């Protein structure tokens, strides 16, 4: 029996040339490996364009939404209603606010520019208000910062005179302009009556007295009122710068000159009245105060 046995050769596996499942390995050639599906470059570009287009659409929609919201916010911030808030800074008669409000509302509705705070035509509105209501001395129209109603501040003049012409009575404001027919005003019963004999055209908005003449008569009425006397009638004659004043309780007129100070002529009257009273005399037709400190009567 041999001491050593012959070692049998170890069979090494051989690659089979038979057709079967191919096993890929690291060193396999590109032809032997599975390759990724090839994508056409033009299709890849179209896909990218589609993605960008979708992103742009989203951005555009977002911008449109923001723009709409901003526009809505600005519209509400700048929008003005046509019903104003009328504030009387100086009121000489009551009940006129109810007349002013609807008229001013119609003025606001007359232009689309008046629906926006930035385009509100304040100057035109103020001019229209003073034209429609001559008794308004000052009108200020302004938009509110937060609210939607425009604010209108009005300042009335004193309505101190009533003038008669062709059977109709008109109210005259303190600047000498006709405010309107007396029938549309309340609380004007104590105004001083003026009778025009000069033939001047009398209608709403027309000037029948110079502003300084209106001031002359207002001062005259005030000075007599301080002496508990009342000016009953003022006659404006056809003679330039001349007027006749009738004092209640006197049988004669006072003839005054409108270019001379009212207080001087009224003071002259009181002095002359006292002097004549002490002598037991009195004018029968008139007392002429146009010559300054000299007085003539008849």
C-alpha atoms as a PDB file:
ATOM      1  CA  UNK A   1       0.000   0.000   0.000  1.00  0.00           C
ATOM      2  CA  UNK A   2       1.496   3.292  -1.067  1.00  0.00           C
ATOM      3  CA  UNK A   3       2.236   5.865   1.487  1.00  0.00           C
ATOM      4  CA  UNK A   4       1.026   8.733  -0.594  1.00  0.00           C
ATOM      5  CA  UNK A   5      -2.081   8.961  -2.614  1.00  0.00           C
ATOM      6  CA  UNK A   6      -2.079  10.839  -5.783  1.00  0.00           C
ATOM      7  CA  UNK A   7      -3.850  14.133  -5.429  1.00  0.00           C
ATOM      8  CA  UNK A   8      -6.743  14.431  -7.699  1.00  0.00           C
ATOM      9  CA  UNK A   9      -6.793  17.542  -9.736  1.00  0.00           C
ATOM     10  CA  UNK A  10      -9.387  20.111  -8.711  1.00  0.00           C
ATOM     11  CA  UNK A  11     -11.753  20.851 -11.463  1.00  0.00           C
ATOM     12  CA  UNK A  12     -11.944  24.603 -12.073  1.00  0.00           C
ATOM     13  CA  UNK A  13     -15.199  25.851 -13.460  1.00  0.00           C
ATOM     14  CA  UNK A  14     -14.971  26.776 -17.036  1.00  0.00           C
ATOM     15  CA  UNK A  15     -17.031  29.259 -18.832  1.00  0.00           C
ATOM     16  CA  UNK A  16     -19.622  27.638 -20.870  1.00  0.00           C
ATOM     17  CA  UNK A  17     -20.058  28.661 -24.391  1.00  0.00           C
ATOM     18  CA  UNK A  18     -23.600  27.533 -24.245  1.00  0.00           C
ATOM     19  CA  UNK A  19     -26.381  30.088 -24.634  1.00  0.00           C
ATOM     20  CA  UNK A  20     -27.718  31.167 -21.248  1.00  0.00           C
ATOM     21  CA  UNK A  21     -28.278  34.115 -19.014  1.00  0.00           C
ATOM     22  CA  UNK A  22     -25.516  36.622 -19.366  1.00  0.00           C
ATOM     23  CA  UNK A  23     -24.031  37.848 -16.139  1.00  0.00           C
ATOM     24  CA  UNK A  24     -22.734  41.350 -16.231  1.00  0.00           C
ATOM     25  CA  UNK A  25     -19.597  42.243 -14.482  1.00  0.00           C
ATOM     26  CA  UNK A  26     -17.593  45.367 -13.968  1.00  0.00           C
ATOM     27  CA  UNK A  27     -15.255  44.644 -16.786  1.00  0.00           C
ATOM     28  CA  UNK A  28     -17.898  43.895 -19.301  1.00  0.00           C
ATOM     29  CA  UNK A  29     -17.747  45.854 -22.470  1.00  0.00           C
ATOM     30  CA  UNK A  30     -20.382  48.575 -23.139  1.00  0.00           C
ATOM     31  CA  UNK A  31     -21.962  46.290 -25.657  1.00  0.00           C
ATOM     32  CA  UNK A  32     -22.427  43.648 -22.979  1.00  0.00           C
ATOM     33  CA  UNK A  33     -23.944  45.997 -20.286  1.00  0.00           C
ATOM     34  CA  UNK A  34     -27.499  47.278 -20.029  1.00  0.00           C
ATOM     35  CA  UNK A  35     -27.566  50.931 -21.190  1.00  0.00           C
ATOM     36  CA  UNK A  36     -30.049  53.634 -20.016  1.00  0.00           C
ATOM     37  CA  UNK A  37     -32.727  54.607 -22.457  1.00  0.00           C
ATOM     38  CA  UNK A  38     -31.562  57.467 -24.556  1.00  0.00           C
ATOM     39  CA  UNK A  39     -33.692  60.669 -24.498  1.00  0.00           C
ATOM     40  CA  UNK A  40     -33.715  62.878 -27.478  1.00  0.00           C
ATOM     41  CA  UNK A  41     -32.137  66.284 -26.647  1.00  0.00           C
ATOM     42  CA  UNK A  42     -34.965  68.115 -28.410  1.00  0.00           C
ATOM     43  CA  UNK A  43     -37.514  66.372 -26.200  1.00  0.00           C
ATOM     44  CA  UNK A  44     -35.444  67.218 -23.132  1.00  0.00           C
ATOM     45  CA  UNK A  45     -35.524  70.910 -24.144  1.00  0.00           C
ATOM     46  CA  UNK A  46     -39.265  70.796 -24.681  1.00  0.00           C
ATOM     47  CA  UNK A  47     -39.753  69.261 -21.257  1.00  0.00           C
ATOM     48  CA  UNK A  48     -37.674  72.022 -19.686  1.00  0.00           C
ATOM     49  CA  UNK A  49     -39.624  74.659 -21.560  1.00  0.00           C
ATOM     50  CA  UNK A  50     -42.891  73.152 -20.372  1.00  0.00           C
ATOM     51  CA  UNK A  51     -41.650  73.223 -16.768  1.00  0.00           C
ATOM     52  CA  UNK A  52     -40.513  76.855 -17.106  1.00  0.00           C
ATOM     53  CA  UNK A  53     -43.794  77.773 -18.739  1.00  0.00           C
ATOM     54  CA  UNK A  54     -45.744  76.276 -15.841  1.00  0.00           C
ATOM     55  CA  UNK A  55     -43.569  78.149 -13.348  1.00  0.00           C
ATOM     56  CA  UNK A  56     -44.032  81.395 -15.258  1.00  0.00           C
ATOM     57  CA  UNK A  57     -47.777  80.837 -15.367  1.00  0.00           C
ATOM     58  CA  UNK A  58     -47.855  80.367 -11.609  1.00  0.00           C
ATOM     59  CA  UNK A  59     -45.804  83.550 -11.118  1.00  0.00           C
ATOM     60  CA  UNK A  60     -48.032  85.488 -13.510  1.00  0.00           C
ATOM     61  CA  UNK A  61     -51.173  84.303 -11.771  1.00  0.00           C
ATOM     62  CA  UNK A  62     -49.687  85.298  -8.448  1.00  0.00           C
ATOM     63  CA  UNK A  63     -48.767  88.749  -9.765  1.00  0.00           C
ATOM     64  CA  UNK A  64     -52.234  89.200 -11.221  1.00  0.00           C
ATOM     65  CA  UNK A  65     -53.769  88.288  -7.885  1.00  0.00           C
ATOM     66  CA  UNK A  66     -51.535  90.725  -6.030  1.00  0.00           C
ATOM     67  CA  UNK A  67     -52.348  93.456  -8.563  1.00  0.00           C
ATOM     68  CA  UNK A  68     -56.084  92.849  -8.204  1.00  0.00           C
ATOM     69  CA  UNK A  69     -55.865  92.968  -4.410  1.00  0.00           C
ATOM     70  CA  UNK A  70     -53.741  96.129  -4.513  1.00  0.00           C
ATOM     71  CA  UNK A  71     -56.168  97.732  -6.981  1.00  0.00           C
ATOM     72  CA  UNK A  72     -59.136  96.809  -4.801  1.00  0.00           C
ATOM     73  CA  UNK A  73     -57.377  98.242  -1.756  1.00  0.00           C
ATOM     74  CA  UNK A  74     -56.514 101.498  -3.551  1.00  0.00           C
ATOM     75  CA  UNK A  75     -60.029 101.773  -4.950  1.00  0.00           C
ATOM     76  CA  UNK A  76     -61.528 101.501  -1.487  1.00  0.00           C
ATOM     77  CA  UNK A  77     -58.945 103.872  -0.062  1.00  0.00           C
ATOM     78  CA  UNK A  78     -59.474 106.569  -2.714  1.00  0.00           C
ATOM     79  CA  UNK A  79     -63.171 106.100  -3.469  1.00  0.00           C
ATOM     80  CA  UNK A  80     -65.501 108.975  -2.586  1.00  0.00           C
ATOM     81  CA  UNK A  81     -69.237 108.859  -2.155  1.00  0.00           C
ATOM     82  CA  UNK A  82     -71.434 111.649  -3.448  1.00  0.00           C
ATOM     83  CA  UNK A  83     -73.175 112.432  -0.151  1.00  0.00           C
ATOM     84  CA  UNK A  84     -71.058 115.094   1.573  1.00  0.00           C
ATOM     85  CA  UNK A  85     -70.584 115.986   5.209  1.00  0.00           C
ATOM     86  CA  UNK A  86     -71.581 119.664   5.465  1.00  0.00           C
ATOM     87  CA  UNK A  87     -69.981 121.536   8.346  1.00  0.00           C
ATOM     88  CA  UNK A  88     -71.130 125.066   9.154  1.00  0.00           C
ATOM     89  CA  UNK A  89     -68.090 126.962  10.413  1.00  0.00           C
ATOM     90  CA  UNK A  90     -70.165 130.114  10.845  1.00  0.00           C
ATOM     91  CA  UNK A  91     -73.944 129.978  10.683  1.00  0.00           C
ATOM     92  CA  UNK A  92     -76.071 133.118  10.638  1.00  0.00           C
ATOM     93  CA  UNK A  93     -79.370 131.373   9.884  1.00  0.00           C
ATOM     94  CA  UNK A  94     -80.751 127.955  10.703  1.00  0.00           C
ATOM     95  CA  UNK A  95     -82.345 125.445   8.375  1.00  0.00           C
ATOM     96  CA  UNK A  96     -80.091 126.111   5.391  1.00  0.00           C
ATOM     97  CA  UNK A  97     -77.977 122.967   5.828  1.00  0.00           C
ATOM     98  CA  UNK A  98     -80.907 120.869   4.638  1.00  0.00           C
ATOM     99  CA  UNK A  99     -80.894 122.991   1.461  1.00  0.00           C
ATOM    100  CA  UNK A 100     -77.132 122.858   0.934  1.00  0.00           C
ATOM    101  CA  UNK A 101     -76.644 119.084   1.242  1.00  0.00           C
ATOM    102  CA  UNK A 102     -78.768 117.836  -1.711  1.00  0.00           C
ATOM    103  CA  UNK A 103     -77.519 120.640  -3.961  1.00  0.00           C
ATOM    104  CA  UNK A 104     -73.880 119.877  -3.205  1.00  0.00           C
ATOM    105  CA  UNK A 105     -74.583 116.170  -3.694  1.00  0.00           C
ATOM    106  CA  UNK A 106     -75.834 116.907  -7.222  1.00  0.00           C
ATOM    107  CA  UNK A 107     -72.668 118.919  -7.876  1.00  0.00           C
ATOM    108  CA  UNK A 108     -70.519 115.974  -6.788  1.00  0.00           C
ATOM    109  CA  UNK A 109     -72.458 113.626  -9.072  1.00  0.00           C
ATOM    110  CA  UNK A 110     -71.958 115.908 -12.070  1.00  0.00           C
ATOM    111  CA  UNK A 111     -68.392 114.666 -12.689  1.00  0.00           C
ATOM    112  CA  UNK A 112     -66.794 111.231 -12.433  1.00  0.00           C
ATOM    113  CA  UNK A 113     -63.628 112.948 -11.235  1.00  0.00           C
ATOM    114  CA  UNK A 114     -65.381 113.656  -7.945  1.00  0.00           C
ATOM    115  CA  UNK A 115     -65.511 109.930  -7.094  1.00  0.00           C
ATOM    116  CA  UNK A 116     -61.771 109.798  -6.387  1.00  0.00           C
ATOM    117  CA  UNK A 117     -59.787 111.597  -3.707  1.00  0.00           C
ATOM    118  CA  UNK A 118     -56.925 112.284  -6.088  1.00  0.00           C
ATOM    119  CA  UNK A 119     -59.082 113.804  -8.816  1.00  0.00           C
ATOM    120  CA  UNK A 120     -61.696 115.594  -6.667  1.00  0.00           C
ATOM    121  CA  UNK A 121     -62.298 118.967  -8.315  1.00  0.00           C
ATOM    122  CA  UNK A 122     -62.336 121.050  -5.171  1.00  0.00           C
ATOM    123  CA  UNK A 123     -61.878 124.460  -6.854  1.00  0.00           C
ATOM    124  CA  UNK A 124     -64.757 123.887  -9.282  1.00  0.00           C
ATOM    125  CA  UNK A 125     -67.019 122.668  -6.497  1.00  0.00           C
ATOM    126  CA  UNK A 126     -66.232 125.633  -4.269  1.00  0.00           C
ATOM    127  CA  UNK A 127     -66.964 128.031  -7.114  1.00  0.00           C
ATOM    128  CA  UNK A 128     -70.248 126.275  -7.912  1.00  0.00           C
ATOM    129  CA  UNK A 129     -71.359 126.361  -4.277  1.00  0.00           C
ATOM    130  CA  UNK A 130     -70.758 130.103  -3.967  1.00  0.00           C
ATOM    131  CA  UNK A 131     -72.524 130.709  -7.272  1.00  0.00           C
ATOM    132  CA  UNK A 132     -75.567 128.658  -6.274  1.00  0.00           C
ATOM    133  CA  UNK A 133     -75.677 130.134  -2.758  1.00  0.00           C
ATOM    134  CA  UNK A 134     -74.454 133.763  -2.821  1.00  0.00           C
ATOM    135  CA  UNK A 135     -74.852 134.031   0.939  1.00  0.00           C
ATOM    136  CA  UNK A 136     -71.909 131.650   1.341  1.00  0.00           C
ATOM    137  CA  UNK A 137     -68.841 133.719   2.087  1.00  0.00           C
ATOM    138  CA  UNK A 138     -66.404 130.822   2.062  1.00  0.00           C
ATOM    139  CA  UNK A 139     -66.595 127.207   0.896  1.00  0.00           C
ATOM    140  CA  UNK A 140     -63.826 124.644   1.392  1.00  0.00           C
ATOM    141  CA  UNK A 141     -64.181 121.149  -0.084  1.00  0.00           C
ATOM    142  CA  UNK A 142     -61.731 118.443   0.953  1.00  0.00           C
ATOM    143  CA  UNK A 143     -61.530 114.624   0.923  1.00  0.00           C
ATOM    144  CA  UNK A 144     -61.138 112.775   4.195  1.00  0.00           C
ATOM    145  CA  UNK A 145     -58.020 110.697   4.816  1.00  0.00           C
ATOM    146  CA  UNK A 146     -59.878 107.573   5.885  1.00  0.00           C
ATOM    147  CA  UNK A 147     -63.578 108.134   5.264  1.00  0.00           C
ATOM    148  CA  UNK A 148     -65.390 107.990   1.946  1.00  0.00           C
ATOM    149  CA  UNK A 149     -67.503 111.154   2.251  1.00  0.00           C
ATOM    150  CA  UNK A 150     -66.073 114.506   1.192  1.00  0.00           C
ATOM    151  CA  UNK A 151     -66.221 117.242   3.810  1.00  0.00           C
ATOM    152  CA  UNK A 152     -67.590 120.673   2.891  1.00  0.00           C
ATOM    153  CA  UNK A 153     -66.928 123.574   5.269  1.00  0.00           C
ATOM    154  CA  UNK A 154     -69.248 126.548   4.765  1.00  0.00           C
ATOM    155  CA  UNK A 155     -69.242 130.028   6.202  1.00  0.00           C
ATOM    156  CA  UNK A 156     -72.351 132.135   5.854  1.00  0.00           C
ATOM    157  CA  UNK A 157     -72.521 135.897   5.553  1.00  0.00           C
ATOM    158  CA  UNK A 158     -74.807 138.051   7.605  1.00  0.00           C
ATOM    159  CA  UNK A 159     -78.130 138.603   5.860  1.00  0.00           C
ATOM    160  CA  UNK A 160     -78.808 142.166   6.880  1.00  0.00           C
ATOM    161  CA  UNK A 161     -80.967 143.725   4.158  1.00  0.00           C
ATOM    162  CA  UNK A 162     -84.200 143.093   2.321  1.00  0.00           C
ATOM    163  CA  UNK A 163     -84.702 144.899  -0.969  1.00  0.00           C
ATOM    164  CA  UNK A 164     -88.001 145.304  -2.784  1.00  0.00           C
ATOM    165  CA  UNK A 165     -88.285 145.362  -6.555  1.00  0.00           C
ATOM    166  CA  UNK A 166     -91.393 144.965  -8.741  1.00  0.00           C
ATOM    167  CA  UNK A 167     -93.417 143.472  -5.916  1.00  0.00           C
ATOM    168  CA  UNK A 168     -90.774 140.883  -4.937  1.00  0.00           C
ATOM    169  CA  UNK A 169     -88.574 140.972  -1.857  1.00  0.00           C
ATOM    170  CA  UNK A 170     -84.971 139.810  -2.049  1.00  0.00           C
ATOM    171  CA  UNK A 171     -82.406 139.169   0.670  1.00  0.00           C
ATOM    172  CA  UNK A 172     -79.069 140.951   0.395  1.00  0.00           C
ATOM    173  CA  UNK A 173     -75.962 139.542   2.074  1.00  0.00           C
ATOM    174  CA  UNK A 174     -73.472 141.720   3.870  1.00  0.00           C
ATOM    175  CA  UNK A 175     -71.294 142.006   0.752  1.00  0.00           C
ATOM    176  CA  UNK A 176     -74.114 143.638  -1.237  1.00  0.00           C
ATOM    177  CA  UNK A 177     -75.000 140.609  -3.395  1.00  0.00           C
ATOM    178  CA  UNK A 178     -78.565 139.330  -3.698  1.00  0.00           C
ATOM    179  CA  UNK A 179     -78.759 135.957  -1.930  1.00  0.00           C
ATOM    180  CA  UNK A 180     -82.186 135.101  -3.320  1.00  0.00           C
ATOM    181  CA  UNK A 181     -85.874 135.718  -2.841  1.00  0.00           C
ATOM    182  CA  UNK A 182     -86.900 136.359   0.751  1.00  0.00           C
ATOM    183  CA  UNK A 183     -89.490 133.575   0.591  1.00  0.00           C
ATOM    184  CA  UNK A 184     -86.800 130.842   0.629  1.00  0.00           C
ATOM    185  CA  UNK A 185     -85.095 132.141   3.776  1.00  0.00           C
ATOM    186  CA  UNK A 186     -86.134 131.875   7.406  1.00  0.00           C
ATOM    187  CA  UNK A 187     -85.223 134.135  10.294  1.00  0.00           C
ATOM    188  CA  UNK A 188     -84.793 137.256   8.148  1.00  0.00           C
ATOM    189  CA  UNK A 189     -87.751 139.204   9.517  1.00  0.00           C
ATOM    190  CA  UNK A 190     -85.546 141.770  11.269  1.00  0.00           C
ATOM    191  CA  UNK A 191     -83.445 142.751   8.259  1.00  0.00           C
ATOM    192  CA  UNK A 192     -83.274 146.397   7.224  1.00  0.00           C
ATOM    193  CA  UNK A 193     -85.534 147.265   4.321  1.00  0.00           C
ATOM    194  CA  UNK A 194     -83.998 148.913   1.254  1.00  0.00           C
ATOM    195  CA  UNK A 195     -86.029 150.446  -1.530  1.00  0.00           C
ATOM    196  CA  UNK A 196     -84.178 150.860  -4.793  1.00  0.00           C
ATOM    197  CA  UNK A 197     -85.094 153.817  -6.982  1.00  0.00           C
ATOM    198  CA  UNK A 198     -82.042 153.688  -9.228  1.00  0.00           C
ATOM    199  CA  UNK A 199     -83.367 151.008 -11.587  1.00  0.00           C
ATOM    200  CA  UNK A 200     -80.586 148.509 -10.903  1.00  0.00           C
ATOM    201  CA  UNK A 201     -81.142 144.916 -12.069  1.00  0.00           C
ATOM    202  CA  UNK A 202     -82.141 142.795  -9.098  1.00  0.00           C
ATOM    203  CA  UNK A 203     -81.882 139.024  -9.322  1.00  0.00           C
ATOM    204  CA  UNK A 204     -80.209 136.201  -7.451  1.00  0.00           C
ATOM    205  CA  UNK A 205     -76.440 136.626  -7.514  1.00  0.00           C
ATOM    206  CA  UNK A 206     -76.514 140.191  -8.808  1.00  0.00           C
ATOM    207  CA  UNK A 207     -74.763 142.976  -6.964  1.00  0.00           C
ATOM    208  CA  UNK A 208     -77.071 145.790  -5.939  1.00  0.00           C
ATOM    209  CA  UNK A 209     -74.740 147.394  -3.411  1.00  0.00           C
ATOM    210  CA  UNK A 210     -71.039 147.999  -3.414  1.00  0.00           C
ATOM    211  CA  UNK A 211     -69.420 146.178  -0.526  1.00  0.00           C
ATOM    212  CA  UNK A 212     -68.425 149.468   1.091  1.00  0.00           C
ATOM    213  CA  UNK A 213     -71.984 150.785   0.708  1.00  0.00           C
ATOM    214  CA  UNK A 214     -73.354 147.665   2.367  1.00  0.00           C
ATOM    215  CA  UNK A 215     -70.862 148.225   5.169  1.00  0.00           C
ATOM    216  CA  UNK A 216     -71.973 151.886   5.422  1.00  0.00           C
ATOM    217  CA  UNK A 217     -75.613 150.868   5.944  1.00  0.00           C
ATOM    218  CA  UNK A 218     -74.671 148.099   8.375  1.00  0.00           C
ATOM    219  CA  UNK A 219     -72.653 150.519  10.507  1.00  0.00           C
ATOM    220  CA  UNK A 220     -75.488 153.069  10.384  1.00  0.00           C
ATOM    221  CA  UNK A 221     -78.030 150.482  11.554  1.00  0.00           C
ATOM    222  CA  UNK A 222     -75.724 149.320  14.342  1.00  0.00           C
ATOM    223  CA  UNK A 223     -75.085 152.866  15.617  1.00  0.00           C
ATOM    224  CA  UNK A 224     -78.789 153.673  15.772  1.00  0.00           C
ATOM    225  CA  UNK A 225     -79.487 150.326  17.425  1.00  0.00           C
ATOM    226  CA  UNK A 226     -77.038 151.218  20.199  1.00  0.00           C
ATOM    227  CA  UNK A 227     -79.171 154.308  20.864  1.00  0.00           C
ATOM    228  CA  UNK A 228     -82.324 152.169  20.902  1.00  0.00           C
ATOM    229  CA  UNK A 229     -83.343 153.582  17.564  1.00  0.00           C
ATOM    230  CA  UNK A 230     -84.294 151.579  14.498  1.00  0.00           C
ATOM    231  CA  UNK A 231     -83.575 152.152  10.827  1.00  0.00           C
ATOM    232  CA  UNK A 232     -86.943 151.620   9.194  1.00  0.00           C
ATOM    233  CA  UNK A 233     -86.119 152.196   5.542  1.00  0.00           C
ATOM    234  CA  UNK A 234     -83.154 153.027   3.291  1.00  0.00           C
ATOM    235  CA  UNK A 235     -83.920 154.581  -0.080  1.00  0.00           C
ATOM    236  CA  UNK A 236     -81.312 154.370  -2.811  1.00  0.00           C
ATOM    237  CA  UNK A 237     -82.037 157.226  -5.169  1.00  0.00           C
ATOM    238  CA  UNK A 238     -81.046 157.841  -8.764  1.00  0.00           C
ATOM    239  CA  UNK A 239     -78.543 160.438  -7.557  1.00  0.00           C
ATOM    240  CA  UNK A 240     -75.085 158.789  -7.422  1.00  0.00           C
ATOM    241  CA  UNK A 241     -73.679 158.118  -3.953  1.00  0.00           C
ATOM    242  CA  UNK A 242     -76.739 159.431  -2.187  1.00  0.00           C
ATOM    243  CA  UNK A 243     -79.245 157.692   0.046  1.00  0.00           C
ATOM    244  CA  UNK A 244     -82.192 158.624   2.251  1.00  0.00           C
ATOM    245  CA  UNK A 245     -82.570 156.935   5.610  1.00  0.00           C
ATOM    246  CA  UNK A 246     -85.857 156.787   7.503  1.00  0.00           C
ATOM    247  CA  UNK A 247     -85.611 156.371  11.265  1.00  0.00           C
ATOM    248  CA  UNK A 248     -88.598 154.848  13.001  1.00  0.00           C
ATOM    249  CA  UNK A 249     -90.490 157.481  14.927  1.00  0.00           C
ATOM    250  CA  UNK A 250     -89.203 160.446  12.899  1.00  0.00           C
ATOM    251  CA  UNK A 251     -91.315 162.303  10.370  1.00  0.00           C
ATOM    252  CA  UNK A 252     -88.356 163.256   8.187  1.00  0.00           C
ATOM    253  CA  UNK A 253     -85.549 161.521   6.273  1.00  0.00           C
ATOM    254  CA  UNK A 254     -81.802 161.698   6.787  1.00  0.00           C
ATOM    255  CA  UNK A 255     -79.892 162.429   3.602  1.00  0.00           C
ATOM    256  CA  UNK A 256     -76.454 160.871   3.664  1.00  0.00           C
ATOM    257  CA  UNK A 257     -73.469 160.740   1.360  1.00  0.00           C
ATOM    258  CA  UNK A 258     -72.022 157.257   0.926  1.00  0.00           C
ATOM    259  CA  UNK A 259     -68.434 158.396   0.419  1.00  0.00           C
ATOM    260  CA  UNK A 260     -68.280 160.003   3.856  1.00  0.00           C
ATOM    261  CA  UNK A 261     -67.818 157.945   7.048  1.00  0.00           C
ATOM    262  CA  UNK A 262     -71.092 156.644   8.435  1.00  0.00           C
ATOM    263  CA  UNK A 263     -70.135 157.203  12.058  1.00  0.00           C
ATOM    264  CA  UNK A 264     -69.384 160.890  11.411  1.00  0.00           C
ATOM    265  CA  UNK A 265     -72.744 161.536   9.770  1.00  0.00           C
ATOM    266  CA  UNK A 266     -74.686 159.603  12.424  1.00  0.00           C
ATOM    267  CA  UNK A 267     -72.833 161.483  15.157  1.00  0.00           C
ATOM    268  CA  UNK A 268     -73.711 164.786  13.447  1.00  0.00           C
ATOM    269  CA  UNK A 269     -77.373 163.784  13.413  1.00  0.00           C
ATOM    270  CA  UNK A 270     -77.493 163.080  17.144  1.00  0.00           C
ATOM    271  CA  UNK A 271     -75.827 166.419  17.920  1.00  0.00           C
ATOM    272  CA  UNK A 272     -78.193 168.312  15.634  1.00  0.00           C
ATOM    273  CA  UNK A 273     -81.230 166.492  17.010  1.00  0.00           C
ATOM    274  CA  UNK A 274     -80.259 167.443  20.543  1.00  0.00           C
ATOM    275  CA  UNK A 275     -79.664 171.068  19.610  1.00  0.00           C
ATOM    276  CA  UNK A 276     -82.937 171.372  17.726  1.00  0.00           C
ATOM    277  CA  UNK A 277     -84.796 169.635  20.532  1.00  0.00           C
ATOM    278  CA  UNK A 278     -83.467 172.123  23.074  1.00  0.00           C
ATOM    279  CA  UNK A 279     -84.769 174.907  20.855  1.00  0.00           C
ATOM    280  CA  UNK A 280     -88.078 173.160  20.309  1.00  0.00           C
ATOM    281  CA  UNK A 281     -87.515 172.788  16.598  1.00  0.00           C
ATOM    282  CA  UNK A 282     -87.602 169.823  14.265  1.00  0.00           C
ATOM    283  CA  UNK A 283     -87.213 169.328  10.499  1.00  0.00           C
ATOM    284  CA  UNK A 284     -90.403 168.796   8.532  1.00  0.00           C
ATOM    285  CA  UNK A 285     -89.078 166.916   5.448  1.00  0.00           C
ATOM    286  CA  UNK A 286     -85.410 166.027   5.800  1.00  0.00           C
ATOM    287  CA  UNK A 287     -82.104 166.622   7.565  1.00  0.00           C
ATOM    288  CA  UNK A 288     -79.134 166.876   5.217  1.00  0.00           C
ATOM    289  CA  UNK A 289     -75.953 165.347   6.694  1.00  0.00           C
ATOM    290  CA  UNK A 290     -73.915 165.319   3.484  1.00  0.00           C
ATOM    291  CA  UNK A 291     -71.871 168.396   4.348  1.00  0.00           C
ATOM    292  CA  UNK A 292     -69.902 166.868   7.188  1.00  0.00           C
ATOM    293  CA  UNK A 293     -70.376 168.766  10.450  1.00  0.00           C
ATOM    294  CA  UNK A 294     -72.729 171.290   8.845  1.00  0.00           C
ATOM    295  CA  UNK A 295     -76.383 170.387   8.918  1.00  0.00           C
ATOM    296  CA  UNK A 296     -79.208 171.606   6.746  1.00  0.00           C
ATOM    297  CA  UNK A 297     -82.835 170.803   7.258  1.00  0.00           C
ATOM    298  CA  UNK A 298     -86.205 171.634   5.952  1.00  0.00           C
END
